[in-house]
Amino acid sequence: KKKLHSMNHIELRLTRETDLEEIIKLETSSYPSDEAASAEMLKFRLGEASSYFWTMWKIQGEISILVGFIVGTRVNVWSVEAMGSHEKDGEILGIHSVVVAKEYRRKGIATRAVQWYCDEVLQRDGSIKKIMLLAKAPMIKLYQRVGFQVLGLSAIEHGAEQWFDLEFSGGIEMLQIDAFSAKAFGGNPAAVVFRHGTERWMRSVANENNLAETAFLCRLGPSDFAIRWFTPTTEVELCGHATLASAYALWFTGRAVANSITFHTRTAGNLLVTKKADGWLEMDLPTSEITHLSQIPSPFQTALNGTTILGCAHGPPGLPDWLIEIPSLDDIKNIDPNNFKIDIVERGVIVTAKADSPFAFESRFFAPNVGIPEDPVTGSSFSLLAPYWQVKQEDVLARQVSKRGGVIRVHTNAADSRTIVQGQATLVLEAQLLTPRHDLF
């Protein structure tokens, strides 16, 4: 028995003989008559390959409702004969049916079940070298998200329609999103990977991506996801733009349906992202307590080449960034990011100035000590900027003036000590992440 965390109260179970009557009905109602497996074939697959025959159940109190099933058999050659045979030592696992009842489709059940099924088979049965299946064109995208690659049109005749051969590559879908930008190549790019792995693996992926942050997600419920963020060199406790990018990626791929997604972090509490009617994404962040310093640390005077410092503050342990106010946008634009590679900077430095209308303030963010000379747009920085500039409950516009740049709407909810940051996002890349599978577990 295996709980499917993608949906509340859905379980995967090994199939029993008593399930067959319902399975046969589900198979015949889901495929045309020239494609559906016969009752005799389903009985054969259960009898000969029971460890590869799993059912999906919705649990309602004491009642279990069959909502789908997956079945495969082992063979040595992928051919039409493979549809009706099972070889115990076969090196290929052929998946013959992935069925979800009509009323439970488009809820992520099939995607999550196939992901788990393939991972389970490859972990359990080291002698299986390939996982294959047939798919019609409309279903290819679903299987690609799970990690299958299209090999081409299939030579196997299975009913009247054309089918494609797909092979499980072990790939993991990864998207690259430009957060805080309405168009490609602006804002702040972040990679989003739809699973967790070992810490070593996640660090390696983030280093390979060489982006400011890579976010790794693990589903906890229909609209709840655990999230972790890694720079090319280290894990960070909070990253706003990669959280915004993660929400966009979940909605884009259909992994989330509701208008709000809750991200569960290791140290920063729960972060809520909501899709607004105008297409902007609203992120609910904790407002950080800032400590104002009357004495300006001398390394900052040196880093800014003598530019007048109007104010200096520091964030709390969970967001240990420095914030420095200087007189003008021109002063901000003249900063050399490498000047902030100094010992007193644990994570990053925000340099900010009052702005001209329509913007309330402008900023840049530097973090060379964690491998990011300059972060293009930094969502988490507004947890410090909002209280510093005493932003109230009405939205104000702010701008981060890196080369890529980004526009942010921000307001605060003083009663709950929250900072509400809004931005747009754009997909720029869809990819399959190929990696040794033993690194994931």
Foldseek 3Di string as FASTA:
>chain_A
DADQLLAPQKGKDQDDPVCLVVQQVQQPVFDPPLFGDHSVQVVVQCVPPSVQKMWMWHDDPPDTDTFWIKTWAAAQDPELVRSRDHDPLHQEIEIRDTTGHPVPPLLCPSLSVVLVSVLVCVVVPVSHDKYKYKDDPVCVVSVVQSAKDWPAWDPYDRPDDTITMIIRQVWHKKFWKAWQDPDPLFHFIEIETAAAFDPVVLLCVQLVVQGQWYKYWDRRHQQEIEIWIAHNFGTAQDFPRNVQVNVVVCVVSSSHDDQKHWYATDPQGIKIWGQDPVRKIKIKGFQWDKAWDPDDPVLVCVQLVNFDWPTWIATDPNGGEIETEGEDPVSQVPGFLVSPPDDVGPAKYKYKYQDDPPAGIEIWMAGVVRPGSTGQDTPVCVSHVCVVSVFAADWGWYKYDDPSIHIWTWHADVVRNIIMIIRHMDTDDIDIHRDPPVRGD
